[in-house]
Structures are given as C-alpha cells and as structure tokens.
Amino acid sequence: MTVERYLRGIGGFFVLLSVALAYFHSLYWLFFTAFVGLNLFQSAFTNWCPMMAILRTLGVPESAGGCAIGKAAAGPEKK
C-alpha cells in the first residue's frame, strides 16, 4: 500500500472512531472529527498533512504516479 491509501484508511478510521466516541462518551469528540476533516481538506491544496509525514518516516512507499488503468490505456512504455 502507498502513503495515499494509508492516509485515506487512517482518516476514515479516525472519523468513524470519533463519531462513535461522540455518540457513546461525549460530544466533544466531534472536535476531533472536525480536526481530521480540516487536515484532509487542507492537504488537498497543499499535498501535505502530519500523517503523510509520519507514514513517509516509517518507510511507506509513495504512489507509482498514476493508476494502473491509465497506464494500460497509454500503451507499453518506450525505451
């Protein structure tokens, strides 16, 4: 898996966890939901968020630079 896929999975998990905690424990956990959402929103513009830096430090590979469907449609690579 790549940094981008881990980021989506971790972000989704944090949102679901914080909503569950808000429901069962305290509504103040919704501030954490907002924090995660704001970080994901700003990372769309800056291409940086704290979790991406952590994942890169842990050695998670970057994306290959495009989807497999797009590469297959473009044809074989020329040498």
N, C-alpha and C. Protein backbone atom coordinates (compact mmCIF):
# COMPACT_ATOMS: atom_id res chain seq x y z
N MET A 1 0.84 -1.19 0.00
CA MET A 1 0.00 0.00 0.00
C MET A 1 0.88 1.24 0.00
N THR A 2 0.29 2.32 -0.48
CA THR A 2 1.04 3.57 -0.60
C THR A 2 0.61 4.57 0.48
N VAL A 3 1.34 5.67 0.57
CA VAL A 3 1.04 6.71 1.54
C VAL A 3 -0.40 7.20 1.37
N GLU A 4 -0.82 7.42 0.14
CA GLU A 4 -2.16 7.94 -0.11
C GLU A 4 -3.24 6.97 0.35
N ARG A 5 -3.04 5.69 0.13
CA ARG A 5 -4.04 4.70 0.55
C ARG A 5 -4.08 4.57 2.06
N TYR A 6 -2.92 4.56 2.71
CA TYR A 6 -2.89 4.53 4.16
C TYR A 6 -3.57 5.77 4.73
N LEU A 7 -3.31 6.92 4.12
CA LEU A 7 -3.89 8.17 4.60
C LEU A 7 -5.40 8.13 4.56
N ARG A 8 -5.96 7.65 3.47
CA ARG A 8 -7.43 7.53 3.36
C ARG A 8 -7.99 6.57 4.41
N GLY A 9 -7.32 5.44 4.58
CA GLY A 9 -7.78 4.46 5.56
C GLY A 9 -7.72 4.97 6.99
N ILE A 10 -6.61 5.60 7.34
CA ILE A 10 -6.46 6.12 8.69
C ILE A 10 -7.43 7.27 8.93
N GLY A 11 -7.58 8.15 7.94
CA GLY A 11 -8.53 9.26 8.08
C GLY A 11 -9.96 8.76 8.27
N GLY A 12 -10.36 7.78 7.48
CA GLY A 12 -11.70 7.21 7.62
C GLY A 12 -11.90 6.54 8.97
N PHE A 13 -10.87 5.81 9.42
CA PHE A 13 -10.95 5.15 10.73
C PHE A 13 -11.09 6.18 11.85
N PHE A 14 -10.29 7.26 11.80
CA PHE A 14 -10.36 8.29 12.83
C PHE A 14 -11.73 8.96 12.86
N VAL A 15 -12.30 9.22 11.69
CA VAL A 15 -13.63 9.84 11.65
C VAL A 15 -14.67 8.91 12.26
N LEU A 16 -14.67 7.64 11.86
CA LEU A 16 -15.64 6.70 12.42
C LEU A 16 -15.44 6.52 13.92
N LEU A 17 -14.20 6.43 14.36
CA LEU A 17 -13.91 6.27 15.78
C LEU A 17 -14.40 7.48 16.58
N SER A 18 -14.12 8.67 16.09
CA SER A 18 -14.51 9.87 16.84
C SER A 18 -16.03 10.05 16.86
N VAL A 19 -16.71 9.67 15.79
CA VAL A 19 -18.18 9.75 15.80
C VAL A 19 -18.75 8.75 16.80
N ALA A 20 -18.19 7.54 16.85
CA ALA A 20 -18.64 6.55 17.82
C ALA A 20 -18.37 7.03 19.25
N LEU A 21 -17.21 7.61 19.49
CA LEU A 21 -16.89 8.14 20.82
C LEU A 21 -17.81 9.30 21.19
N ALA A 22 -18.18 10.13 20.20
CA ALA A 22 -19.11 11.23 20.47
C ALA A 22 -20.49 10.68 20.84
N TYR A 23 -20.88 9.62 20.20
CA TYR A 23 -22.20 9.02 20.48
C TYR A 23 -22.23 8.35 21.85
N PHE A 24 -21.19 7.59 22.17
CA PHE A 24 -21.19 6.80 23.39
C PHE A 24 -20.56 7.51 24.61
N HIS A 25 -19.72 8.50 24.38
CA HIS A 25 -18.98 9.08 25.51
C HIS A 25 -19.28 10.57 25.68
N SER A 26 -18.84 11.39 24.74
CA SER A 26 -19.00 12.84 24.88
C SER A 26 -19.03 13.49 23.50
N LEU A 27 -19.90 14.48 23.36
CA LEU A 27 -19.99 15.18 22.08
C LEU A 27 -18.73 15.97 21.74
N TYR A 28 -17.86 16.18 22.72
CA TYR A 28 -16.62 16.90 22.47
C TYR A 28 -15.70 16.14 21.51
N TRP A 29 -15.93 14.85 21.33
CA TRP A 29 -15.13 14.09 20.36
C TRP A 29 -15.37 14.56 18.93
N LEU A 30 -16.45 15.29 18.70
CA LEU A 30 -16.71 15.82 17.35
C LEU A 30 -15.68 16.88 16.96
N PHE A 31 -15.02 17.48 17.95
CA PHE A 31 -13.91 18.39 17.63
C PHE A 31 -12.77 17.63 16.95
N PHE A 32 -12.54 16.40 17.38
CA PHE A 32 -11.52 15.58 16.72
C PHE A 32 -11.93 15.24 15.29
N THR A 33 -13.22 14.97 15.09
CA THR A 33 -13.73 14.73 13.74
C THR A 33 -13.47 15.94 12.85
N ALA A 34 -13.75 17.13 13.38
CA ALA A 34 -13.51 18.36 12.62
C ALA A 34 -12.02 18.55 12.34
N PHE A 35 -11.17 18.24 13.30
CA PHE A 35 -9.72 18.35 13.11
C PHE A 35 -9.25 17.46 11.97
N VAL A 36 -9.71 16.22 11.95
CA VAL A 36 -9.33 15.29 10.88
C VAL A 36 -9.84 15.80 9.54
N GLY A 37 -11.08 16.26 9.51
CA GLY A 37 -11.65 16.78 8.27
C GLY A 37 -10.91 18.00 7.75
N LEU A 38 -10.56 18.91 8.64
CA LEU A 38 -9.81 20.10 8.22
C LEU A 38 -8.42 19.74 7.71
N ASN A 39 -7.76 18.78 8.34
CA ASN A 39 -6.45 18.34 7.85
C ASN A 39 -6.56 17.71 6.47
N LEU A 40 -7.57 16.88 6.25
CA LEU A 40 -7.75 16.28 4.93
C LEU A 40 -8.07 17.35 3.89
N PHE A 41 -8.88 18.34 4.28
CA PHE A 41 -9.24 19.41 3.35
C PHE A 41 -8.03 20.24 2.96
N GLN A 42 -7.23 20.65 3.94
CA GLN A 42 -6.06 21.46 3.60
C GLN A 42 -5.02 20.66 2.84
N SER A 43 -4.95 19.34 3.07
CA SER A 43 -3.97 18.54 2.35
C SER A 43 -4.32 18.41 0.87
N ALA A 44 -5.59 18.63 0.54
CA ALA A 44 -5.99 18.63 -0.88
C ALA A 44 -5.34 19.79 -1.62
N PHE A 45 -5.07 20.87 -0.92
CA PHE A 45 -4.47 22.06 -1.55
C PHE A 45 -2.95 22.11 -1.40
N THR A 46 -2.44 21.59 -0.29
CA THR A 46 -1.02 21.72 -0.01
C THR A 46 -0.24 20.43 -0.27
N ASN A 47 -0.95 19.31 -0.41
CA ASN A 47 -0.34 17.99 -0.59
C ASN A 47 0.57 17.63 0.59
N TRP A 48 0.21 18.11 1.78
CA TRP A 48 0.95 17.79 2.99
C TRP A 48 -0.02 17.71 4.17
N CYS A 49 0.17 16.72 5.01
CA CYS A 49 -0.52 16.65 6.29
C CYS A 49 0.38 15.89 7.25
N PRO A 50 0.17 16.04 8.55
CA PRO A 50 1.05 15.40 9.52
C PRO A 50 1.13 13.88 9.35
N MET A 51 0.03 13.23 9.04
CA MET A 51 0.05 11.78 8.90
C MET A 51 0.90 11.34 7.71
N MET A 52 0.91 12.11 6.63
CA MET A 52 1.76 11.77 5.48
C MET A 52 3.22 11.82 5.88
N ALA A 53 3.60 12.81 6.67
CA ALA A 53 4.99 12.91 7.12
C ALA A 53 5.36 11.71 8.00
N ILE A 54 4.44 11.31 8.87
CA ILE A 54 4.69 10.15 9.73
C ILE A 54 4.84 8.88 8.91
N LEU A 55 3.94 8.68 7.94
CA LEU A 55 3.99 7.47 7.11
C LEU A 55 5.27 7.42 6.28
N ARG A 56 5.69 8.56 5.75
CA ARG A 56 6.94 8.59 4.98
C ARG A 56 8.13 8.27 5.86
N THR A 57 8.13 8.77 7.10
CA THR A 57 9.20 8.48 8.05
C THR A 57 9.26 6.99 8.36
N LEU A 58 8.09 6.34 8.40
CA LEU A 58 8.02 4.90 8.67
C LEU A 58 8.40 4.05 7.45
N GLY A 59 8.63 4.70 6.30
CA GLY A 59 9.09 3.99 5.12
C GLY A 59 8.00 3.49 4.20
N VAL A 60 6.79 4.02 4.34
CA VAL A 60 5.70 3.63 3.44
C VAL A 60 6.00 4.21 2.06
N PRO A 61 5.88 3.40 1.00
CA PRO A 61 6.23 3.90 -0.34
C PRO A 61 5.23 4.91 -0.88
N GLU A 62 5.74 5.80 -1.72
CA GLU A 62 4.90 6.77 -2.42
C GLU A 62 4.13 6.07 -3.53
N SER A 63 3.17 6.75 -4.11
CA SER A 63 2.41 6.16 -5.22
C SER A 63 3.30 6.04 -6.45
N ALA A 64 2.89 5.19 -7.36
CA ALA A 64 3.68 4.94 -8.57
C ALA A 64 3.50 6.05 -9.60
N GLY A 65 2.64 7.01 -9.33
CA GLY A 65 2.49 8.13 -10.25
C GLY A 65 1.32 7.99 -11.20
N GLY A 66 0.33 7.23 -10.87
CA GLY A 66 -0.86 7.11 -11.70
C GLY A 66 -1.55 5.78 -11.46
N CYS A 67 -2.75 5.69 -11.99
CA CYS A 67 -3.50 4.44 -11.79
C CYS A 67 -3.11 3.43 -12.85
N ALA A 68 -3.33 2.18 -12.56
CA ALA A 68 -2.96 1.11 -13.49
C ALA A 68 -3.79 1.16 -14.77
N ILE A 69 -5.03 1.60 -14.66
CA ILE A 69 -5.90 1.67 -15.84
C ILE A 69 -5.35 2.72 -16.81
N GLY A 70 -4.95 3.87 -16.27
CA GLY A 70 -4.40 4.91 -17.13
C GLY A 70 -3.13 4.48 -17.81
N LYS A 71 -2.28 3.72 -17.11
CA LYS A 71 -1.03 3.26 -17.70
C LYS A 71 -1.31 2.23 -18.79
N ALA A 72 -2.28 1.34 -18.55
CA ALA A 72 -2.59 0.32 -19.55
C ALA A 72 -3.17 0.95 -20.81
N ALA A 73 -3.97 1.99 -20.63
CA ALA A 73 -4.59 2.64 -21.78
C ALA A 73 -3.55 3.40 -22.61
N ALA A 74 -2.48 3.85 -21.96
CA ALA A 74 -1.45 4.61 -22.67
C ALA A 74 -0.58 3.73 -23.55
N GLY A 75 -0.63 2.43 -23.33
CA GLY A 75 0.19 1.51 -24.12
C GLY A 75 1.49 1.19 -23.44
N PRO A 76 2.31 0.36 -24.07
CA PRO A 76 3.57 -0.04 -23.46
C PRO A 76 4.57 1.11 -23.42
N GLU A 77 5.48 1.05 -22.45
CA GLU A 77 6.49 2.08 -22.32
C GLU A 77 7.51 1.93 -23.46
N LYS A 78 8.01 3.07 -23.92
CA LYS A 78 9.02 3.06 -24.98
C LYS A 78 10.38 3.25 -24.34
N LYS A 79 11.35 2.53 -24.87
CA LYS A 79 12.71 2.62 -24.32
C LYS A 79 13.59 3.49 -25.16
